[in-house]
Amino acid sequence: MLLDLHTHSIKSDDGRAKVENYCQWIKSKNLPIDGFVLTEHRQFDNESDYSALGEKYGLVILKGSEVETEYGHILVYGVTPALQEEFDFANIRIPLQTVLAACEKHGAVAAPAHPGRPRVGMFAHTDELGIPEGVGIVEVYNGGSRDQEDQIAQENAASLGYRGIGGSDSHIVSHVGRCATRFEQDIQSIDDLVAALKSGEFEAVSLKND
């Protein structure tokens, strides 16, 4: 399965895409992805249920979050009510170790987003703050990356032994599916996704030029 693990809808403050419009675009353009994960900024969307849309369009639509730490932005998969009690998702300076510890405690997965990006990427801060303990997965293909950002992410991930995921980081409909993650397992739920990420049996792929 190919899943885009990093997307934003109008639920995010800078998102301009409605979820159904993502679905329509994916189908109308015959994009090869099987679904996507909505990682809204500084929140977890407890209200929305996209199961009907997913069934209508034959897509897997899951929900995660993108939170902000002193090391930059972090994607979180497997958010539960108990995890939400551990830290304030709206805080723009959550300690990374707080996020990693909370995810470990509650069975979630945390992965630094666009880690090669200046300011909001993890590797922009490692010279000053050091290599954080507990990171195992980072985003190595990001649909919004510029210049050498993905290359920086890939080279650092390789040297540190991190596994890589891919996501479009889409904020508008036409950007969805630019990058994705390929899984051997069938993924239909967030629990399936978390289990697959923990298994290590996945690879990041770029679809930008396909």
N, C-alpha and C. Protein backbone atom coordinates (compact mmCIF):
# COMPACT_ATOMS: atom_id res chain seq x y z
N MET A 1 0.84 -1.20 0.00
CA MET A 1 0.00 0.00 0.00
C MET A 1 0.87 1.24 0.00
N LEU A 2 0.38 2.26 -0.66
CA LEU A 2 1.05 3.57 -0.67
C LEU A 2 0.17 4.56 0.08
N LEU A 3 0.71 5.12 1.15
CA LEU A 3 -0.02 6.11 1.93
C LEU A 3 0.79 7.40 2.02
N ASP A 4 0.12 8.51 1.80
CA ASP A 4 0.70 9.83 2.00
C ASP A 4 0.55 10.14 3.49
N LEU A 5 1.67 10.19 4.21
CA LEU A 5 1.62 10.29 5.67
C LEU A 5 1.64 11.71 6.22
N HIS A 6 1.51 12.73 5.35
CA HIS A 6 1.63 14.10 5.84
C HIS A 6 0.77 15.03 4.99
N THR A 7 -0.46 15.29 5.44
CA THR A 7 -1.35 16.19 4.71
C THR A 7 -2.07 17.11 5.70
N HIS A 8 -2.54 18.23 5.17
CA HIS A 8 -3.28 19.21 5.98
C HIS A 8 -4.56 19.62 5.27
N SER A 9 -5.63 19.73 6.04
CA SER A 9 -6.91 20.18 5.49
C SER A 9 -7.21 21.58 6.01
N ILE A 10 -8.42 22.05 5.75
CA ILE A 10 -8.83 23.36 6.25
C ILE A 10 -8.91 23.39 7.78
N LYS A 11 -8.77 22.24 8.42
CA LYS A 11 -8.71 22.22 9.89
C LYS A 11 -7.42 22.86 10.39
N SER A 12 -6.37 22.83 9.56
CA SER A 12 -5.12 23.51 9.91
C SER A 12 -5.25 24.99 9.53
N ASP A 13 -4.58 25.84 10.31
CA ASP A 13 -4.73 27.28 10.10
C ASP A 13 -4.25 27.74 8.73
N ASP A 14 -3.31 26.99 8.14
CA ASP A 14 -2.80 27.38 6.82
C ASP A 14 -3.21 26.40 5.73
N GLY A 15 -4.14 25.50 6.05
CA GLY A 15 -4.60 24.54 5.05
C GLY A 15 -5.76 25.09 4.24
N ARG A 16 -5.76 24.78 2.95
CA ARG A 16 -6.83 25.28 2.07
C ARG A 16 -7.56 24.15 1.35
N ALA A 17 -7.36 22.93 1.80
CA ALA A 17 -7.94 21.77 1.12
C ALA A 17 -9.03 21.12 1.96
N LYS A 18 -10.18 20.87 1.34
CA LYS A 18 -11.21 20.07 1.99
C LYS A 18 -10.90 18.60 1.75
N VAL A 19 -11.22 17.78 2.72
CA VAL A 19 -10.85 16.37 2.64
C VAL A 19 -11.51 15.69 1.44
N GLU A 20 -12.77 15.99 1.18
CA GLU A 20 -13.41 15.36 0.02
C GLU A 20 -12.75 15.80 -1.28
N ASN A 21 -12.28 17.04 -1.33
CA ASN A 21 -11.58 17.50 -2.54
C ASN A 21 -10.27 16.75 -2.75
N TYR A 22 -9.58 16.40 -1.66
CA TYR A 22 -8.41 15.53 -1.78
C TYR A 22 -8.80 14.21 -2.45
N CYS A 23 -9.88 13.64 -1.96
CA CYS A 23 -10.35 12.35 -2.50
C CYS A 23 -10.68 12.47 -3.99
N GLN A 24 -11.38 13.51 -4.34
CA GLN A 24 -11.75 13.72 -5.74
C GLN A 24 -10.52 13.90 -6.62
N TRP A 25 -9.55 14.64 -6.13
CA TRP A 25 -8.33 14.88 -6.90
C TRP A 25 -7.55 13.58 -7.11
N ILE A 26 -7.41 12.80 -6.04
CA ILE A 26 -6.68 11.54 -6.13
C ILE A 26 -7.30 10.63 -7.19
N LYS A 27 -8.62 10.56 -7.19
CA LYS A 27 -9.31 9.68 -8.14
C LYS A 27 -9.29 10.26 -9.56
N SER A 28 -9.49 11.55 -9.68
CA SER A 28 -9.56 12.14 -11.02
C SER A 28 -8.21 12.12 -11.72
N LYS A 29 -7.14 12.20 -10.94
CA LYS A 29 -5.79 12.20 -11.50
C LYS A 29 -5.16 10.81 -11.50
N ASN A 30 -5.93 9.81 -11.03
CA ASN A 30 -5.43 8.44 -10.94
C ASN A 30 -4.10 8.36 -10.19
N LEU A 31 -4.00 9.09 -9.10
CA LEU A 31 -2.79 9.03 -8.29
C LEU A 31 -2.64 7.63 -7.70
N PRO A 32 -1.42 7.15 -7.58
CA PRO A 32 -1.22 5.76 -7.16
C PRO A 32 -1.38 5.52 -5.66
N ILE A 33 -1.65 6.55 -4.88
CA ILE A 33 -1.75 6.35 -3.43
C ILE A 33 -3.09 5.70 -3.05
N ASP A 34 -3.05 4.94 -1.97
CA ASP A 34 -4.24 4.24 -1.47
C ASP A 34 -4.94 5.00 -0.35
N GLY A 35 -4.34 6.09 0.09
CA GLY A 35 -4.95 6.87 1.15
C GLY A 35 -3.97 7.90 1.69
N PHE A 36 -4.39 8.58 2.75
CA PHE A 36 -3.56 9.65 3.30
C PHE A 36 -3.88 9.85 4.78
N VAL A 37 -2.94 10.47 5.47
CA VAL A 37 -3.09 10.77 6.89
C VAL A 37 -3.15 12.27 7.06
N LEU A 38 -4.16 12.75 7.72
CA LEU A 38 -4.33 14.17 8.02
C LEU A 38 -3.57 14.49 9.31
N THR A 39 -2.53 15.29 9.18
CA THR A 39 -1.68 15.64 10.32
C THR A 39 -1.82 17.13 10.59
N GLU A 40 -2.94 17.50 11.16
CA GLU A 40 -3.24 18.92 11.35
C GLU A 40 -2.26 19.55 12.35
N HIS A 41 -1.94 20.82 12.09
CA HIS A 41 -0.97 21.53 12.92
C HIS A 41 -1.48 21.77 14.33
N ARG A 42 -0.62 21.46 15.31
CA ARG A 42 -0.81 21.83 16.72
C ARG A 42 -2.16 21.41 17.29
N GLN A 43 -2.64 20.26 16.86
CA GLN A 43 -3.93 19.77 17.35
C GLN A 43 -4.13 18.32 16.92
N PHE A 44 -5.09 17.68 17.55
CA PHE A 44 -5.61 16.43 17.01
C PHE A 44 -7.10 16.62 16.81
N ASP A 45 -7.56 16.33 15.62
CA ASP A 45 -8.96 16.53 15.25
C ASP A 45 -9.80 15.39 15.81
N ASN A 46 -10.37 15.62 16.98
CA ASN A 46 -11.21 14.60 17.60
C ASN A 46 -12.61 14.53 16.99
N GLU A 47 -13.00 15.58 16.29
CA GLU A 47 -14.40 15.69 15.87
C GLU A 47 -14.71 14.97 14.56
N SER A 48 -13.81 15.04 13.60
CA SER A 48 -14.13 14.59 12.25
C SER A 48 -14.06 13.07 12.11
N ASP A 49 -15.03 12.52 11.40
CA ASP A 49 -15.06 11.10 11.07
C ASP A 49 -15.11 11.00 9.55
N TYR A 50 -14.02 10.51 8.98
CA TYR A 50 -13.91 10.45 7.52
C TYR A 50 -14.17 9.06 6.96
N SER A 51 -14.73 8.17 7.77
CA SER A 51 -14.93 6.79 7.32
C SER A 51 -15.88 6.71 6.14
N ALA A 52 -16.94 7.53 6.14
CA ALA A 52 -17.88 7.50 5.03
C ALA A 52 -17.22 7.99 3.74
N LEU A 53 -16.41 9.04 3.85
CA LEU A 53 -15.69 9.53 2.68
C LEU A 53 -14.72 8.48 2.16
N GLY A 54 -14.04 7.83 3.08
CA GLY A 54 -13.10 6.80 2.69
C GLY A 54 -13.78 5.67 1.94
N GLU A 55 -14.94 5.28 2.44
CA GLU A 55 -15.70 4.21 1.78
C GLU A 55 -16.21 4.66 0.41
N LYS A 56 -16.67 5.90 0.34
CA LYS A 56 -17.20 6.43 -0.91
C LYS A 56 -16.15 6.43 -2.02
N TYR A 57 -14.93 6.80 -1.66
CA TYR A 57 -13.87 6.95 -2.68
C TYR A 57 -12.88 5.78 -2.71
N GLY A 58 -13.08 4.82 -1.85
CA GLY A 58 -12.17 3.69 -1.83
C GLY A 58 -10.78 4.05 -1.36
N LEU A 59 -10.70 4.95 -0.38
CA LEU A 59 -9.42 5.42 0.14
C LEU A 59 -9.36 5.23 1.65
N VAL A 60 -8.16 5.04 2.15
CA VAL A 60 -7.94 5.00 3.59
C VAL A 60 -7.63 6.42 4.05
N ILE A 61 -8.43 6.94 4.97
CA ILE A 61 -8.24 8.30 5.48
C ILE A 61 -8.05 8.20 6.99
N LEU A 62 -6.85 8.53 7.45
CA LEU A 62 -6.52 8.41 8.86
C LEU A 62 -6.15 9.78 9.42
N LYS A 63 -6.02 9.84 10.74
CA LYS A 63 -5.72 11.12 11.39
C LYS A 63 -4.51 10.99 12.30
N GLY A 64 -3.61 11.97 12.21
CA GLY A 64 -2.49 12.09 13.12
C GLY A 64 -2.39 13.53 13.57
N SER A 65 -1.17 13.99 13.80
CA SER A 65 -0.98 15.38 14.22
C SER A 65 0.43 15.82 13.84
N GLU A 66 0.63 17.13 13.77
CA GLU A 66 1.96 17.70 13.62
C GLU A 66 2.15 18.72 14.74
N VAL A 67 3.07 18.42 15.65
CA VAL A 67 3.30 19.28 16.80
C VAL A 67 4.65 19.96 16.66
N GLU A 68 4.88 20.97 17.50
CA GLU A 68 6.09 21.78 17.39
C GLU A 68 6.94 21.69 18.64
N THR A 69 8.23 21.44 18.44
CA THR A 69 9.17 21.28 19.54
C THR A 69 10.38 22.18 19.32
N GLU A 70 11.30 22.15 20.26
CA GLU A 70 12.54 22.91 20.11
C GLU A 70 13.42 22.35 18.99
N TYR A 71 13.11 21.14 18.55
CA TYR A 71 13.83 20.53 17.43
C TYR A 71 13.06 20.67 16.11
N GLY A 72 11.98 21.41 16.11
CA GLY A 72 11.18 21.54 14.90
C GLY A 72 9.89 20.75 14.97
N HIS A 73 9.31 20.50 13.82
CA HIS A 73 7.98 19.88 13.74
C HIS A 73 8.08 18.35 13.80
N ILE A 74 7.11 17.76 14.49
CA ILE A 74 7.10 16.32 14.70
C ILE A 74 5.74 15.76 14.32
N LEU A 75 5.74 14.75 13.45
CA LEU A 75 4.51 14.05 13.10
C LEU A 75 4.23 12.99 14.15
N VAL A 76 2.97 12.89 14.57
CA VAL A 76 2.59 11.91 15.59
C VAL A 76 1.46 11.04 15.05
N TYR A 77 1.65 9.74 15.11
CA TYR A 77 0.65 8.76 14.66
C TYR A 77 0.25 7.88 15.84
N GLY A 78 -1.05 7.69 16.00
CA GLY A 78 -1.56 6.88 17.10
C GLY A 78 -1.99 7.72 18.29
N VAL A 79 -2.53 8.93 18.00
CA VAL A 79 -2.98 9.83 19.07
C VAL A 79 -4.23 9.25 19.74
N THR A 80 -4.19 9.18 21.05
CA THR A 80 -5.31 8.71 21.86
C THR A 80 -5.69 9.80 22.86
N PRO A 81 -6.86 9.67 23.49
CA PRO A 81 -7.21 10.64 24.53
C PRO A 81 -6.16 10.70 25.64
N ALA A 82 -5.61 9.56 26.00
CA ALA A 82 -4.59 9.54 27.06
C ALA A 82 -3.33 10.27 26.63
N LEU A 83 -2.94 10.10 25.38
CA LEU A 83 -1.76 10.81 24.87
C LEU A 83 -1.99 12.32 24.88
N GLN A 84 -3.21 12.73 24.56
CA GLN A 84 -3.51 14.16 24.53
C GLN A 84 -3.43 14.80 25.91
N GLU A 85 -3.51 13.98 26.95
CA GLU A 85 -3.40 14.50 28.32
C GLU A 85 -1.94 14.75 28.72
N GLU A 86 -1.01 14.20 27.95
CA GLU A 86 0.40 14.26 28.32
C GLU A 86 1.05 15.61 28.03
N PHE A 87 0.59 16.31 26.99
CA PHE A 87 1.15 17.62 26.67
C PHE A 87 0.14 18.41 25.86
N ASP A 88 0.36 19.71 25.81
CA ASP A 88 -0.53 20.62 25.10
C ASP A 88 -0.14 20.66 23.63
N PHE A 89 -0.95 20.08 22.78
CA PHE A 89 -0.64 20.02 21.35
C PHE A 89 -0.51 21.41 20.74
N ALA A 90 -1.15 22.41 21.33
CA ALA A 90 -1.12 23.77 20.78
C ALA A 90 0.15 24.53 21.14
N ASN A 91 0.90 24.03 22.10
CA ASN A 91 2.15 24.66 22.51
C ASN A 91 3.17 24.59 21.37
N ILE A 92 3.82 25.71 21.06
CA ILE A 92 4.78 25.71 19.95
C ILE A 92 6.20 25.40 20.41
N ARG A 93 6.39 25.11 21.69
CA ARG A 93 7.72 24.76 22.20
C ARG A 93 7.63 23.55 23.13
N ILE A 94 6.97 22.52 22.69
CA ILE A 94 6.92 21.30 23.49
C ILE A 94 8.30 20.66 23.48
N PRO A 95 8.83 20.27 24.62
CA PRO A 95 10.11 19.56 24.60
C PRO A 95 10.00 18.26 23.80
N LEU A 96 10.93 18.04 22.90
CA LEU A 96 10.88 16.84 22.07
C LEU A 96 10.86 15.58 22.94
N GLN A 97 11.63 15.58 24.01
CA GLN A 97 11.67 14.38 24.85
C GLN A 97 10.31 14.12 25.50
N THR A 98 9.54 15.17 25.74
CA THR A 98 8.18 14.99 26.27
C THR A 98 7.31 14.26 25.24
N VAL A 99 7.42 14.68 23.98
CA VAL A 99 6.65 14.05 22.91
C VAL A 99 7.07 12.59 22.74
N LEU A 100 8.37 12.35 22.69
CA LEU A 100 8.86 10.98 22.48
C LEU A 100 8.47 10.07 23.64
N ALA A 101 8.60 10.57 24.86
CA ALA A 101 8.25 9.76 26.03
C ALA A 101 6.76 9.46 26.07
N ALA A 102 5.95 10.45 25.75
CA ALA A 102 4.50 10.25 25.76
C ALA A 102 4.08 9.25 24.69
N CYS A 103 4.70 9.34 23.51
CA CYS A 103 4.39 8.39 22.44
C CYS A 103 4.79 6.98 22.83
N GLU A 104 5.96 6.86 23.43
CA GLU A 104 6.42 5.54 23.89
C GLU A 104 5.45 4.97 24.94
N LYS A 105 5.04 5.81 25.85
CA LYS A 105 4.14 5.38 26.94
C LYS A 105 2.79 4.92 26.42
N HIS A 106 2.29 5.58 25.38
CA HIS A 106 0.93 5.31 24.90
C HIS A 106 0.90 4.57 23.56
N GLY A 107 2.02 4.03 23.14
CA GLY A 107 2.04 3.18 21.96
C GLY A 107 1.94 3.91 20.64
N ALA A 108 2.26 5.21 20.63
CA ALA A 108 2.21 6.00 19.40
C ALA A 108 3.60 6.06 18.76
N VAL A 109 3.66 6.67 17.59
CA VAL A 109 4.92 6.83 16.87
C VAL A 109 5.13 8.30 16.56
N ALA A 110 6.33 8.79 16.84
CA ALA A 110 6.69 10.18 16.54
C ALA A 110 7.79 10.19 15.49
N ALA A 111 7.66 11.04 14.49
CA ALA A 111 8.65 11.13 13.41
C ALA A 111 8.87 12.59 13.04
N PRO A 112 10.08 13.10 13.20
CA PRO A 112 10.35 14.48 12.79
C PRO A 112 9.99 14.72 11.32
N ALA A 113 9.25 15.80 11.09
CA ALA A 113 8.83 16.18 9.74
C ALA A 113 9.90 17.03 9.08
N HIS A 114 10.03 16.91 7.77
CA HIS A 114 10.98 17.70 6.98
C HIS A 114 12.22 18.06 7.79
N PRO A 115 12.97 17.07 8.28
CA PRO A 115 14.07 17.35 9.20
C PRO A 115 15.24 18.09 8.57
N GLY A 116 15.29 18.15 7.25
CA GLY A 116 16.36 18.89 6.59
C GLY A 116 16.06 20.35 6.35
N ARG A 117 14.91 20.81 6.81
CA ARG A 117 14.47 22.17 6.54
C ARG A 117 15.04 23.14 7.58
N PRO A 118 15.42 24.32 7.17
CA PRO A 118 15.88 25.32 8.15
C PRO A 118 14.78 25.66 9.17
N ARG A 119 15.18 25.91 10.38
CA ARG A 119 14.32 26.38 11.47
C ARG A 119 13.33 25.35 11.97
N VAL A 120 12.50 24.78 11.08
CA VAL A 120 11.44 23.86 11.54
C VAL A 120 11.80 22.39 11.35
N GLY A 121 13.05 22.11 10.95
CA GLY A 121 13.50 20.74 10.77
C GLY A 121 14.49 20.33 11.85
N MET A 122 14.46 19.08 12.25
CA MET A 122 15.28 18.62 13.37
C MET A 122 16.77 18.85 13.16
N PHE A 123 17.26 18.57 11.94
CA PHE A 123 18.71 18.66 11.73
C PHE A 123 19.22 20.09 11.70
N ALA A 124 18.33 21.05 11.71
CA ALA A 124 18.75 22.45 11.84
C ALA A 124 19.15 22.77 13.28
N HIS A 125 18.82 21.88 14.20
CA HIS A 125 19.03 22.15 15.62
C HIS A 125 20.01 21.19 16.29
N THR A 126 20.44 20.16 15.59
CA THR A 126 21.27 19.15 16.25
C THR A 126 22.67 19.65 16.58
N ASP A 127 23.21 20.58 15.80
CA ASP A 127 24.52 21.13 16.14
C ASP A 127 24.48 21.84 17.49
N GLU A 128 23.39 22.55 17.72
CA GLU A 128 23.27 23.30 18.98
C GLU A 128 22.76 22.44 20.13
N LEU A 129 21.78 21.60 19.84
CA LEU A 129 21.10 20.87 20.91
C LEU A 129 21.54 19.41 21.05
N GLY A 130 22.28 18.92 20.05
CA GLY A 130 22.70 17.53 20.10
C GLY A 130 21.71 16.60 19.40
N ILE A 131 22.13 15.37 19.20
CA ILE A 131 21.26 14.36 18.60
C ILE A 131 20.30 13.85 19.67
N PRO A 132 19.01 13.99 19.47
CA PRO A 132 18.07 13.55 20.51
C PRO A 132 17.99 12.03 20.61
N GLU A 133 17.81 11.54 21.80
CA GLU A 133 17.64 10.11 22.01
C GLU A 133 16.18 9.75 21.77
N GLY A 134 15.96 8.58 21.19
CA GLY A 134 14.60 8.07 21.05
C GLY A 134 13.97 8.25 19.69
N VAL A 135 14.65 8.96 18.78
CA VAL A 135 14.13 9.10 17.42
C VAL A 135 14.54 7.88 16.60
N GLY A 136 13.61 7.30 15.87
CA GLY A 136 13.93 6.15 15.04
C GLY A 136 13.46 6.27 13.60
N ILE A 137 12.52 7.19 13.38
CA ILE A 137 11.94 7.40 12.06
C ILE A 137 11.90 8.89 11.78
N VAL A 138 12.28 9.29 10.58
CA VAL A 138 12.16 10.69 10.17
C VAL A 138 11.60 10.74 8.75
N GLU A 139 11.04 11.88 8.40
CA GLU A 139 10.51 12.07 7.05
C GLU A 139 11.67 12.42 6.11
N VAL A 140 11.92 11.57 5.14
CA VAL A 140 13.04 11.79 4.22
C VAL A 140 12.59 12.26 2.84
N TYR A 141 11.31 12.11 2.53
CA TYR A 141 10.73 12.69 1.32
C TYR A 141 9.56 13.56 1.73
N ASN A 142 9.62 14.84 1.40
CA ASN A 142 8.56 15.78 1.74
C ASN A 142 8.19 16.54 0.48
N GLY A 143 6.91 16.57 0.17
CA GLY A 143 6.47 17.18 -1.08
C GLY A 143 6.70 18.66 -1.18
N GLY A 144 6.94 19.33 -0.04
CA GLY A 144 7.18 20.76 -0.06
C GLY A 144 8.64 21.14 0.07
N SER A 145 9.53 20.15 0.02
CA SER A 145 10.95 20.44 0.21
C SER A 145 11.53 21.24 -0.94
N ARG A 146 12.52 22.05 -0.60
CA ARG A 146 13.22 22.86 -1.59
C ARG A 146 14.72 22.57 -1.50
N ASP A 147 15.43 22.99 -2.52
CA ASP A 147 16.89 22.89 -2.54
C ASP A 147 17.35 21.48 -2.13
N GLN A 148 18.16 21.41 -1.09
CA GLN A 148 18.73 20.12 -0.67
C GLN A 148 18.09 19.58 0.60
N GLU A 149 16.89 20.04 0.92
CA GLU A 149 16.29 19.66 2.20
C GLU A 149 16.09 18.15 2.33
N ASP A 150 15.57 17.51 1.30
CA ASP A 150 15.40 16.06 1.37
C ASP A 150 16.74 15.34 1.41
N GLN A 151 17.71 15.84 0.66
CA GLN A 151 19.03 15.21 0.66
C GLN A 151 19.67 15.29 2.05
N ILE A 152 19.52 16.44 2.70
CA ILE A 152 20.04 16.58 4.07
C ILE A 152 19.35 15.58 4.99
N ALA A 153 18.04 15.45 4.83
CA ALA A 153 17.29 14.49 5.66
C ALA A 153 17.77 13.07 5.41
N GLN A 154 17.93 12.71 4.14
CA GLN A 154 18.32 11.35 3.79
C GLN A 154 19.73 11.02 4.28
N GLU A 155 20.65 11.96 4.09
CA GLU A 155 22.04 11.70 4.49
C GLU A 155 22.16 11.56 6.00
N ASN A 156 21.48 12.43 6.73
CA ASN A 156 21.53 12.34 8.18
C ASN A 156 20.82 11.10 8.70
N ALA A 157 19.69 10.76 8.08
CA ALA A 157 18.97 9.55 8.49
C ALA A 157 19.84 8.32 8.28
N ALA A 158 20.52 8.27 7.15
CA ALA A 158 21.39 7.13 6.86
C ALA A 158 22.53 7.03 7.87
N SER A 159 23.13 8.16 8.19
CA SER A 159 24.27 8.13 9.11
C SER A 159 23.85 7.78 10.54
N LEU A 160 22.62 8.09 10.90
CA LEU A 160 22.13 7.84 12.26
C LEU A 160 21.31 6.56 12.37
N GLY A 161 21.08 5.89 11.24
CA GLY A 161 20.34 4.64 11.27
C GLY A 161 18.84 4.80 11.42
N TYR A 162 18.30 5.94 11.00
CA TYR A 162 16.87 6.16 11.07
C TYR A 162 16.17 5.54 9.87
N ARG A 163 14.95 5.07 10.08
CA ARG A 163 14.10 4.68 8.97
C ARG A 163 13.43 5.93 8.39
N GLY A 164 13.07 5.88 7.10
CA GLY A 164 12.50 7.05 6.45
C GLY A 164 11.07 6.86 5.99
N ILE A 165 10.26 7.90 6.15
CA ILE A 165 8.90 7.92 5.62
C ILE A 165 8.77 9.07 4.64
N GLY A 166 7.68 9.06 3.87
CA GLY A 166 7.42 10.11 2.90
C GLY A 166 6.00 10.64 3.02
N GLY A 167 5.85 11.94 2.79
CA GLY A 167 4.53 12.57 2.79
C GLY A 167 4.56 13.84 1.98
N SER A 168 3.42 14.24 1.46
CA SER A 168 3.37 15.39 0.57
C SER A 168 3.47 16.73 1.29
N ASP A 169 3.09 16.76 2.58
CA ASP A 169 2.98 18.02 3.31
C ASP A 169 2.04 18.96 2.56
N SER A 170 1.00 18.40 1.99
CA SER A 170 0.09 19.19 1.16
C SER A 170 -0.79 20.10 2.01
N HIS A 171 -0.94 21.31 1.52
CA HIS A 171 -1.88 22.28 2.11
C HIS A 171 -2.94 22.68 1.10
N ILE A 172 -2.71 22.34 -0.16
CA ILE A 172 -3.69 22.54 -1.21
C ILE A 172 -3.90 21.21 -1.94
N VAL A 173 -5.05 21.07 -2.57
CA VAL A 173 -5.45 19.78 -3.13
C VAL A 173 -4.44 19.22 -4.13
N SER A 174 -3.93 20.07 -5.00
CA SER A 174 -3.08 19.58 -6.08
C SER A 174 -1.71 19.08 -5.63
N HIS A 175 -1.37 19.26 -4.36
CA HIS A 175 -0.07 18.81 -3.87
C HIS A 175 -0.12 17.44 -3.22
N VAL A 176 -1.30 16.89 -2.99
CA VAL A 176 -1.39 15.59 -2.32
C VAL A 176 -0.75 14.51 -3.18
N GLY A 177 -0.14 13.55 -2.52
CA GLY A 177 0.44 12.41 -3.24
C GLY A 177 1.79 12.67 -3.87
N ARG A 178 2.43 13.78 -3.59
CA ARG A 178 3.75 14.04 -4.16
C ARG A 178 4.81 13.10 -3.60
N CYS A 179 4.64 12.74 -2.35
CA CYS A 179 5.52 11.77 -1.70
C CYS A 179 4.64 10.86 -0.84
N ALA A 180 5.13 9.67 -0.59
CA ALA A 180 4.32 8.71 0.16
C ALA A 180 5.22 7.67 0.81
N THR A 181 4.60 6.73 1.49
CA THR A 181 5.32 5.63 2.14
C THR A 181 4.69 4.33 1.70
N ARG A 182 5.53 3.40 1.27
CA ARG A 182 5.05 2.09 0.80
C ARG A 182 5.13 1.08 1.94
N PHE A 183 4.01 0.40 2.16
CA PHE A 183 3.92 -0.63 3.19
C PHE A 183 3.59 -1.98 2.55
N GLU A 184 4.16 -3.04 3.12
CA GLU A 184 3.81 -4.39 2.67
C GLU A 184 2.48 -4.83 3.25
N GLN A 185 2.17 -4.35 4.47
CA GLN A 185 0.94 -4.74 5.13
C GLN A 185 -0.27 -3.98 4.59
N ASP A 186 -1.44 -4.58 4.76
CA ASP A 186 -2.69 -3.90 4.46
C ASP A 186 -3.01 -2.99 5.64
N ILE A 187 -3.22 -1.73 5.38
CA ILE A 187 -3.47 -0.76 6.45
C ILE A 187 -4.86 -0.17 6.27
N GLN A 188 -5.70 -0.37 7.26
CA GLN A 188 -7.06 0.14 7.22
C GLN A 188 -7.40 1.02 8.42
N SER A 189 -6.52 1.05 9.41
CA SER A 189 -6.80 1.80 10.64
C SER A 189 -5.51 2.43 11.14
N ILE A 190 -5.65 3.35 12.08
CA ILE A 190 -4.46 3.98 12.66
C ILE A 190 -3.65 2.96 13.43
N ASP A 191 -4.30 1.97 14.03
CA ASP A 191 -3.57 0.91 14.73
C ASP A 191 -2.73 0.11 13.75
N ASP A 192 -3.29 -0.16 12.58
CA ASP A 192 -2.53 -0.86 11.54
C ASP A 192 -1.30 -0.04 11.14
N LEU A 193 -1.49 1.27 10.99
CA LEU A 193 -0.39 2.14 10.58
C LEU A 193 0.71 2.15 11.64
N VAL A 194 0.33 2.31 12.89
CA VAL A 194 1.31 2.33 13.97
C VAL A 194 2.08 1.01 14.02
N ALA A 195 1.37 -0.09 13.88
CA ALA A 195 2.04 -1.40 13.91
C ALA A 195 3.02 -1.53 12.75
N ALA A 196 2.62 -1.04 11.58
CA ALA A 196 3.49 -1.13 10.40
C ALA A 196 4.72 -0.26 10.58
N LEU A 197 4.56 0.92 11.14
CA LEU A 197 5.70 1.79 11.37
C LEU A 197 6.65 1.18 12.40
N LYS A 198 6.10 0.54 13.41
CA LYS A 198 6.94 -0.08 14.43
C LYS A 198 7.66 -1.31 13.89
N SER A 199 7.06 -1.95 12.90
CA SER A 199 7.68 -3.16 12.32
C SER A 199 8.91 -2.83 11.50
N GLY A 200 8.99 -1.60 11.01
CA GLY A 200 10.11 -1.20 10.17
C GLY A 200 10.00 -1.64 8.73
N GLU A 201 8.88 -2.26 8.37
CA GLU A 201 8.73 -2.78 7.01
C GLU A 201 8.00 -1.76 6.12
N PHE A 202 8.73 -0.74 5.74
CA PHE A 202 8.17 0.32 4.89
C PHE A 202 9.32 1.05 4.22
N GLU A 203 8.98 1.83 3.21
CA GLU A 203 9.99 2.67 2.56
C GLU A 203 9.34 3.94 2.04
N ALA A 204 10.12 5.01 2.07
CA ALA A 204 9.65 6.30 1.57
C ALA A 204 9.84 6.35 0.07
N VAL A 205 8.88 6.96 -0.62
CA VAL A 205 8.97 7.08 -2.06
C VAL A 205 8.59 8.51 -2.49
N SER A 206 9.27 8.99 -3.51
CA SER A 206 8.93 10.29 -4.09
C SER A 206 8.17 10.05 -5.39
N LEU A 207 7.03 10.71 -5.52
CA LEU A 207 6.20 10.61 -6.72
C LEU A 207 6.14 11.92 -7.47
N LYS A 208 7.02 12.85 -7.12
CA LYS A 208 6.96 14.19 -7.67
C LYS A 208 7.09 14.20 -9.19
N ASN A 209 7.88 13.32 -9.73
CA ASN A 209 8.12 13.33 -11.15
C ASN A 209 7.40 12.22 -11.90
N ASP A 210 6.55 11.49 -11.18
CA ASP A 210 5.82 10.38 -11.82
C ASP A 210 4.61 10.91 -12.58
